[in-house]
């Protein structure tokens, strides 16, 4: 009877069923053809629980129920098998189950069969040759289950990557917060104590009657001065106060400091407008760009054997780009494959915290590292607030004005 479930059983079920009755939705306007299809499934060793329906409305309503496969005739009352396949695809897009669809017809042309497969049918068969029906259903159900498993695995992988990215962002934020706290303690406690000690030693030097004591006090003053300078460098590495004057100023100071420290020629390039007015950037982006340049320059000084480095900051098409390139020996595949090569990995993770990415290219002429960060609407234009760039020689000492 139309719309009534019917079952086909086998005493020794094999194949896709493995003892389970598969639920089959059968779009078929002929009861004898429906019975013949069930007989072929039974002969193929399958156990099925099937329902025969004929109309578009019945099919639309039945799609809300759990099924394992859809068998469909091509010529149906008021619509075709291709119409039914399109309804199934739309139901799947709306959140319904993605069911395998097999077209079974008495007369179906090659063009129609190709169109059905292109649209998403799992298979097509002729009613005059149903010997392949059971294997086709078996294969379609197995393929559908594998596809759902792959989709579920991909979704879990995406969720895992999202959680990992959130964790990386949290760790980066925590690290920067801890660095800021340590830098503040160095400034307030260590810096204050060293400054006070410097004043006391200078007083002793000026009031000492013995030349020996004055010389010892002077030597102690030099030691304290070196300690203050070291503390300043540590504080700048922990939390670059120069960033408060803008990314351009910070990178200009950083490249100048790198050149003086290493002896490697280092040039900073950017648009002239950004030299007169600071860039307005989203929160977090300046620090990511600064740390990226810092890590890249550190790698150059340690490994590149370069004689020249260029740091280029640009803003094109709403994307902030920072490129650090050198003329060194380049990176080999062995260098990039090192198990404990966390520097480059850290740059990728840091860039992802602001929605950016890092591209790395290397060859015989040197290495180029590019940080790209898409900016939201309204960002990237120079600020209306004029700002004078600091003297690189004075930028470091500006953190401790008392010194």
Protein backbone atom coordinates (compact mmCIF):
# COMPACT_ATOMS: atom_id res chain seq x y z
CA UNK A 1 0.00 0.00 0.00
CA UNK A 2 1.23 3.52 -0.84
CA UNK A 3 3.05 5.11 2.13
CA UNK A 4 3.05 1.91 4.18
CA UNK A 5 6.45 0.56 5.33
CA UNK A 6 7.31 -2.90 4.06
CA UNK A 7 10.23 -5.11 5.03
CA UNK A 8 12.48 -7.48 3.14
CA UNK A 9 14.46 -9.98 5.21
CA UNK A 10 17.25 -12.46 4.61
CA UNK A 11 18.08 -15.36 6.93
CA UNK A 12 21.82 -14.67 6.55
CA UNK A 13 22.23 -10.91 6.13
CA UNK A 14 25.51 -9.76 4.67
CA UNK A 15 27.04 -6.60 3.20
CA UNK A 16 25.88 -3.17 4.25
CA UNK A 17 23.20 -4.50 6.53
CA UNK A 18 25.43 -6.58 8.77
CA UNK A 19 22.25 -7.68 10.62
CA UNK A 20 20.68 -4.20 10.65
CA UNK A 21 17.59 -3.25 8.65
CA UNK A 22 18.33 -0.22 6.47
CA UNK A 23 15.58 2.37 6.10
CA UNK A 24 14.81 2.91 2.40
CA UNK A 25 12.61 5.71 1.09
CA UNK A 26 11.29 4.63 -2.32
CA UNK A 27 9.80 7.20 -4.73
CA UNK A 28 7.80 4.88 -6.98
CA UNK A 29 4.27 5.11 -8.46
CA UNK A 30 4.12 1.38 -9.29
CA UNK A 31 3.50 -1.13 -6.51
CA UNK A 32 4.81 -4.09 -8.59
CA UNK A 33 8.04 -2.22 -9.33
CA UNK A 34 8.39 -1.44 -5.63
CA UNK A 35 7.93 -5.13 -4.74
CA UNK A 36 10.45 -6.12 -7.43
CA UNK A 37 13.05 -3.73 -5.99
CA UNK A 38 12.53 -5.17 -2.50
CA UNK A 39 12.92 -8.69 -3.88
CA UNK A 40 16.25 -7.81 -5.47
CA UNK A 41 17.48 -6.23 -2.22
CA UNK A 42 16.46 -9.39 -0.34
CA UNK A 43 18.16 -11.58 -2.90
CA UNK A 44 21.29 -9.47 -2.42
CA UNK A 45 21.37 -10.36 1.29
CA UNK A 46 20.04 -7.07 2.66
CA UNK A 47 17.45 -6.37 5.33
CA UNK A 48 15.49 -3.21 4.63
CA UNK A 49 12.56 -1.32 6.07
CA UNK A 50 11.08 0.49 3.06
CA UNK A 51 8.32 3.02 2.42
CA UNK A 52 6.84 3.74 -0.98
CA UNK A 53 5.65 7.25 -1.74
CA UNK A 54 4.56 8.95 -4.96
CA UNK A 55 3.94 12.67 -4.58
CA UNK A 56 6.11 15.73 -4.07
CA UNK A 57 4.34 16.58 -0.80
CA UNK A 58 4.87 13.08 0.58
CA UNK A 59 8.55 13.22 -0.31
CA UNK A 60 9.04 16.62 1.31
CA UNK A 61 7.38 15.43 4.52
CA UNK A 62 9.25 12.11 4.57
CA UNK A 63 12.64 13.83 4.37
CA UNK A 64 12.25 14.94 7.99
CA UNK A 65 12.38 11.29 9.08
CA UNK A 66 15.58 9.21 9.44
CA UNK A 67 16.50 7.31 6.26
CA UNK A 68 19.59 5.55 5.02
CA UNK A 69 19.02 5.81 1.25
CA UNK A 70 16.55 7.18 -1.29
CA UNK A 71 15.56 5.15 -4.36
CA UNK A 72 13.65 7.13 -6.97
CA UNK A 73 11.91 6.44 -10.25
CA UNK A 74 12.44 9.10 -12.89
CA UNK A 75 8.85 9.60 -14.04
CA UNK A 76 6.67 10.51 -11.06
CA UNK A 77 3.22 12.13 -10.76
CA UNK A 78 3.78 15.84 -11.33
CA UNK A 79 7.59 15.84 -11.07
CA UNK A 80 10.73 13.89 -11.99
CA UNK A 81 13.53 12.11 -10.22
CA UNK A 82 15.82 15.08 -10.89
CA UNK A 83 13.28 17.34 -9.17
CA UNK A 84 13.33 14.98 -6.20
CA UNK A 85 17.14 15.06 -6.14
CA UNK A 86 17.09 18.86 -6.13
CA UNK A 87 14.58 18.82 -3.24
CA UNK A 88 16.92 16.51 -1.33
CA UNK A 89 19.91 18.82 -1.94
CA UNK A 90 17.91 21.85 -0.74
CA UNK A 91 16.79 19.91 2.35
CA UNK A 92 20.41 19.04 3.08
CA UNK A 93 21.51 22.67 2.72
CA UNK A 94 18.78 23.62 5.20
CA UNK A 95 20.32 21.29 7.77
CA UNK A 96 18.75 17.97 6.88
CA UNK A 97 20.56 14.67 6.47
CA UNK A 98 22.69 14.21 3.35
CA UNK A 99 21.16 10.97 2.03
CA UNK A 100 22.52 8.91 -0.86
CA UNK A 101 20.15 9.12 -3.85
CA UNK A 102 19.90 6.33 -6.44
CA UNK A 103 17.89 6.88 -9.63
CA UNK A 104 16.03 3.74 -10.82
CA UNK A 105 13.97 4.08 -14.01
CA UNK A 106 12.48 2.07 -16.82
CA UNK A 107 13.57 4.60 -19.41
CA UNK A 108 16.40 7.02 -18.79
CA UNK A 109 18.59 8.59 -21.41
CA UNK A 110 22.32 9.01 -21.18
CA UNK A 111 22.01 12.79 -20.86
CA UNK A 112 19.57 12.41 -17.97
CA UNK A 113 21.86 9.93 -16.25
CA UNK A 114 24.86 12.26 -16.60
CA UNK A 115 22.81 15.18 -15.28
CA UNK A 116 21.71 13.09 -12.29
CA UNK A 117 25.28 12.12 -11.42
CA UNK A 118 26.45 15.70 -11.89
CA UNK A 119 23.71 16.95 -9.57
CA UNK A 120 24.71 14.53 -6.85
CA UNK A 121 23.08 11.14 -7.43
CA UNK A 122 25.06 8.25 -6.01
CA UNK A 123 24.15 5.91 -8.89
CA UNK A 124 21.52 5.16 -11.54
CA UNK A 125 20.06 1.84 -12.70
CA UNK A 126 17.54 0.55 -15.24
CA UNK A 127 14.50 -1.34 -13.99
CA UNK A 128 15.18 -3.97 -16.62
CA UNK A 129 18.47 -4.82 -14.90
CA UNK A 130 18.15 -4.66 -11.10
CA UNK A 131 20.78 -7.30 -10.37
CA UNK A 132 23.11 -4.45 -9.38
CA UNK A 133 20.58 -2.80 -7.05
CA UNK A 134 21.74 -4.40 -3.78
CA UNK A 135 25.47 -3.73 -4.40
CA UNK A 136 24.61 -0.17 -5.48
CA UNK A 137 22.64 0.47 -2.28
CA UNK A 138 25.39 -1.19 -0.24
CA UNK A 139 28.06 1.02 -1.82
CA UNK A 140 25.97 4.21 -1.64
CA UNK A 141 25.24 3.75 2.07
CA UNK A 142 28.88 2.94 2.85
CA UNK A 143 30.12 5.94 0.84
CA UNK A 144 27.59 8.22 2.54
CA UNK A 145 28.66 7.06 5.98
CA UNK A 146 32.31 7.63 5.09
CA UNK A 147 31.48 11.11 3.77
CA UNK A 148 29.62 11.98 6.99
CA UNK A 149 32.54 10.66 9.01
CA UNK A 150 34.96 12.83 6.99
CA UNK A 151 32.75 15.89 7.47
CA UNK A 152 32.51 15.22 11.19
CA UNK A 153 36.30 14.77 11.37
CA UNK A 154 36.85 18.00 9.42
CA UNK A 155 34.48 19.86 11.71
CA UNK A 156 36.26 18.49 14.76
CA UNK A 157 39.61 19.43 13.23
CA UNK A 158 38.38 22.97 12.55
CA UNK A 159 37.06 23.20 16.10
CA UNK A 160 40.37 21.90 17.43
CA UNK A 161 42.30 24.43 15.36
CA UNK A 162 40.02 27.19 16.63
CA UNK A 163 40.60 26.10 20.22
CA UNK A 164 44.35 25.93 19.57
CA UNK A 165 44.29 29.41 18.04
CA UNK A 166 42.35 30.75 21.01
CA UNK A 167 44.84 29.09 23.36
CA UNK A 168 47.78 30.58 21.44
CA UNK A 169 46.15 33.99 21.59
CA UNK A 170 45.54 33.60 25.31
CA UNK A 171 49.14 32.52 25.87
CA UNK A 172 50.46 35.44 23.83
CA UNK A 173 48.28 37.85 25.80
CA UNK A 174 49.37 36.29 29.09
CA UNK A 175 53.04 36.42 28.10
CA UNK A 176 52.80 40.07 27.11
CA UNK A 177 50.95 40.90 30.33
CA UNK A 178 53.63 39.11 32.35
CA UNK A 179 56.37 40.88 30.43
CA UNK A 180 54.70 44.21 31.12
CA UNK A 181 54.45 43.39 34.83
CA UNK A 182 58.11 42.35 35.01
CA UNK A 183 59.19 45.47 33.09
CA UNK A 184 57.22 47.61 35.52
CA UNK A 185 58.88 45.92 38.49
CA UNK A 186 62.31 46.42 36.94
CA UNK A 187 61.49 50.08 36.38
CA UNK A 188 60.00 50.72 39.81
CA UNK A 189 62.11 48.47 42.05
CA UNK A 190 65.39 47.64 40.35
CA UNK A 191 65.63 50.94 38.49
CA UNK A 192 64.79 52.99 41.54
CA UNK A 193 67.23 51.11 43.74
CA UNK A 194 70.06 51.34 41.23
CA UNK A 195 69.43 55.05 40.72
CA UNK A 196 69.49 55.69 44.46
CA UNK A 197 72.67 53.63 44.78
CA UNK A 198 74.22 55.64 41.98
CA UNK A 199 73.49 58.90 43.81
CA UNK A 200 74.95 57.52 47.06
CA UNK A 201 78.13 56.32 45.38
CA UNK A 202 78.54 59.66 43.65
CA UNK A 203 78.17 61.43 47.03
CA UNK A 204 80.81 59.15 48.53
CA UNK A 205 83.13 59.86 45.61
CA UNK A 206 82.75 63.61 46.00
CA UNK A 207 83.18 63.65 49.79
CA UNK A 208 85.86 61.00 50.19
CA UNK A 209 89.19 62.30 51.50
CA UNK A 210 91.14 59.28 50.34
CA UNK A 211 92.05 58.97 46.70
CA UNK A 212 91.76 55.21 47.02
CA UNK A 213 88.17 55.48 48.20
CA UNK A 214 87.35 57.91 45.43
CA UNK A 215 88.75 55.51 42.84
CA UNK A 216 86.80 52.60 44.33
CA UNK A 217 83.60 54.69 44.36
CA UNK A 218 84.18 55.68 40.74
CA UNK A 219 84.61 52.02 39.75
CA UNK A 220 81.42 51.17 41.62
CA UNK A 221 79.62 53.99 39.80
CA UNK A 222 80.66 52.52 36.46
CA UNK A 223 79.37 49.11 37.52
CA UNK A 224 76.04 50.56 38.62
CA UNK A 225 75.75 52.54 35.38
CA UNK A 226 76.33 49.33 33.40
CA UNK A 227 73.67 47.60 35.51
CA UNK A 228 71.22 50.45 34.81
CA UNK A 229 71.88 50.21 31.08
CA UNK A 230 71.43 46.43 31.17
CA UNK A 231 68.17 46.86 33.08
CA UNK A 232 66.98 49.34 30.46
CA UNK A 233 67.73 46.89 27.66
CA UNK A 234 65.95 44.09 29.50
CA UNK A 235 62.95 46.32 30.11
CA UNK A 236 62.80 47.39 26.47
CA UNK A 237 62.90 43.76 25.35
CA UNK A 238 60.17 42.85 27.80
CA UNK A 239 57.87 45.74 27.02
CA UNK A 240 58.92 48.20 24.28
CA UNK A 241 57.84 51.59 25.61
CA UNK A 242 58.82 53.06 22.26
CA UNK A 243 55.58 51.58 20.82
CA UNK A 244 53.67 54.31 22.63
CA UNK A 245 55.10 56.67 20.01
CA UNK A 246 53.75 54.55 17.15
CA UNK A 247 54.80 51.52 15.11
CA UNK A 248 56.85 53.57 12.63
CA UNK A 249 58.86 55.20 15.41
CA UNK A 250 59.37 51.84 17.11
CA UNK A 251 60.61 50.14 13.94
CA UNK A 252 62.87 53.06 13.10
CA UNK A 253 64.43 52.86 16.55
CA UNK A 254 64.62 49.07 16.42
CA UNK A 255 66.47 48.96 13.08
CA UNK A 256 68.87 51.71 14.14
CA UNK A 257 69.60 49.90 17.40
CA UNK A 258 70.09 46.60 15.54
CA UNK A 259 72.62 48.19 13.18
CA UNK A 260 74.62 49.70 16.05
CA UNK A 261 74.60 46.48 18.05
CA UNK A 262 75.51 44.04 15.26
CA UNK A 263 77.35 46.16 12.69
CA UNK A 264 74.99 44.84 9.98
CA UNK A 265 73.63 47.58 7.72
CA UNK A 266 69.89 47.87 8.42
CA UNK A 267 67.54 50.14 6.44
CA UNK A 268 63.95 50.97 7.39
CA UNK A 269 61.53 51.97 4.64
CA UNK A 270 57.97 53.23 4.79
CA UNK A 271 55.67 55.78 3.19
CA UNK A 272 56.68 59.37 3.79
CA UNK A 273 53.24 60.21 5.20
CA UNK A 274 53.77 57.74 8.04
CA UNK A 275 56.98 59.48 9.06
CA UNK A 276 55.06 62.68 9.76
CA UNK A 277 51.95 61.19 11.35
CA UNK A 278 51.55 57.88 13.21
CA UNK A 279 49.46 55.07 11.76
CA UNK A 280 46.12 54.35 13.42
CA UNK A 281 46.12 50.57 13.86
CA UNK A 282 43.86 48.08 15.66
CA UNK A 283 44.84 47.09 19.18
CA UNK A 284 47.50 44.39 19.24
CA UNK A 285 48.72 44.89 15.68
CA UNK A 286 51.65 47.23 16.50
CA UNK A 287 53.00 44.83 19.12
CA UNK A 288 52.69 41.83 16.76
CA UNK A 289 54.50 43.73 14.01
CA UNK A 290 57.21 44.89 16.42
CA UNK A 291 57.77 41.39 17.82
CA UNK A 292 57.85 39.92 14.31
CA UNK A 293 60.56 42.36 13.26
CA UNK A 294 62.40 41.69 16.52
CA UNK A 295 62.38 37.91 15.99
CA UNK A 296 63.35 38.26 12.32
CA UNK A 297 66.27 40.55 13.11
CA UNK A 298 67.41 38.23 15.88
CA UNK A 299 67.42 35.31 13.43
CA UNK A 300 69.40 37.40 10.94
CA UNK A 301 72.06 38.24 13.51
CA UNK A 302 72.34 34.62 14.68
CA UNK A 303 72.11 32.58 11.50
CA UNK A 304 71.95 34.57 8.24
CA UNK A 305 75.58 35.75 7.93
CA UNK A 306 74.11 38.80 6.20
CA UNK A 307 75.72 42.15 5.49
CA UNK A 308 72.51 44.07 4.82
CA UNK A 309 68.89 43.98 6.07
CA UNK A 310 65.87 45.93 4.84
CA UNK A 311 62.71 46.39 6.92
CA UNK A 312 59.80 47.60 4.80
CA UNK A 313 56.44 48.72 6.24
CA UNK A 314 53.56 49.35 3.84
CA UNK A 315 49.77 49.56 3.72
CA UNK A 316 48.18 48.50 0.44
CA UNK A 317 44.58 47.51 -0.16
CA UNK A 318 43.73 47.56 3.52
CA UNK A 319 46.48 45.07 4.37
CA UNK A 320 49.39 46.05 6.60
CA UNK A 321 52.58 44.42 5.33
CA UNK A 322 55.90 44.19 7.15
CA UNK A 323 58.78 42.65 5.21
CA UNK A 324 62.20 41.84 6.65
CA UNK A 325 64.68 40.76 3.97
CA UNK A 326 68.41 40.07 4.12
CA UNK A 327 71.22 39.13 1.75
CA UNK A 328 72.41 36.20 3.87
CA UNK A 329 72.94 32.53 3.17
CA UNK A 330 69.23 31.68 3.15
CA UNK A 331 67.34 28.89 4.86
CA UNK A 332 67.60 25.27 3.82
CA UNK A 333 64.86 22.67 4.12
CA UNK A 334 66.87 21.17 6.96
CA UNK A 335 66.72 24.47 8.85
CA UNK A 336 62.96 24.69 8.47
CA UNK A 337 62.43 21.06 9.45
CA UNK A 338 64.29 21.28 12.76
CA UNK A 339 62.20 19.72 15.49
CA UNK A 340 62.90 22.53 17.95
CA UNK A 341 62.64 25.35 15.41
CA UNK A 342 60.00 27.24 17.36
CA UNK A 343 60.91 30.77 16.20
CA UNK A 344 59.11 30.59 12.86
CA UNK A 345 56.22 28.63 14.36
CA UNK A 346 55.88 31.27 17.05
CA UNK A 347 55.68 33.98 14.39
CA UNK A 348 52.83 32.15 12.66
CA UNK A 349 50.94 31.77 15.93
CA UNK A 350 51.55 35.39 16.91
CA UNK A 351 50.32 36.63 13.51
CA UNK A 352 47.15 34.56 13.78
CA UNK A 353 46.18 36.34 17.01
CA UNK A 354 45.41 39.48 14.95
CA UNK A 355 44.05 37.63 11.90
CA UNK A 356 47.32 37.81 9.98
CA UNK A 357 49.78 35.36 8.49
CA UNK A 358 53.48 35.01 7.78
CA UNK A 359 55.09 34.10 4.44
CA UNK A 360 58.70 32.98 4.30
CA UNK A 361 60.83 32.63 1.18
CA UNK A 362 64.50 31.86 1.03
CA UNK A 363 67.15 31.27 -1.59
CA UNK A 364 70.77 31.80 -2.47
CA UNK A 365 70.27 35.59 -2.48
CA UNK A 366 68.87 35.72 1.04
CA UNK A 367 65.68 35.36 3.04
CA UNK A 368 62.46 37.37 3.05
CA UNK A 369 59.87 37.20 5.83
CA UNK A 370 56.55 38.98 5.27
CA UNK A 371 53.88 39.63 7.90
CA UNK A 372 50.46 40.46 6.43
CA UNK A 373 47.57 41.71 8.57
CA UNK A 374 44.20 42.67 7.05
CA UNK A 375 42.86 45.80 8.75
CA UNK A 376 39.23 46.63 9.41
CA UNK A 377 37.41 49.66 7.94
CA UNK A 378 38.73 52.99 9.16
CA UNK A 379 42.19 51.72 10.04
CA UNK A 380 45.44 52.42 8.31
CA UNK A 381 45.20 56.14 7.61
CA UNK A 382 47.76 58.43 9.25
CA UNK A 383 46.52 60.03 12.44
CA UNK A 384 45.76 63.73 12.46
CA UNK A 385 47.99 64.08 15.49
CA UNK A 386 51.52 65.05 14.43
CA UNK A 387 54.26 63.21 16.24
CA UNK A 388 57.98 63.79 16.06
CA UNK A 389 60.05 60.66 15.72
CA UNK A 390 62.44 60.09 18.60
CA UNK A 391 66.19 60.10 18.32
CA UNK A 392 67.21 56.43 18.32
CA UNK A 393 69.99 57.28 20.75
CA UNK A 394 67.50 58.72 23.24
CA UNK A 395 64.62 56.29 22.81
CA UNK A 396 66.02 53.73 25.20
CA UNK A 397 66.66 56.18 28.02
CA UNK A 398 63.20 57.72 27.65
CA UNK A 399 61.77 54.79 29.57
CA UNK A 400 63.53 55.95 32.78
CA UNK A 401 63.42 59.72 32.77
CA UNK A 402 64.88 59.82 36.28
CA UNK A 403 68.15 58.50 35.00
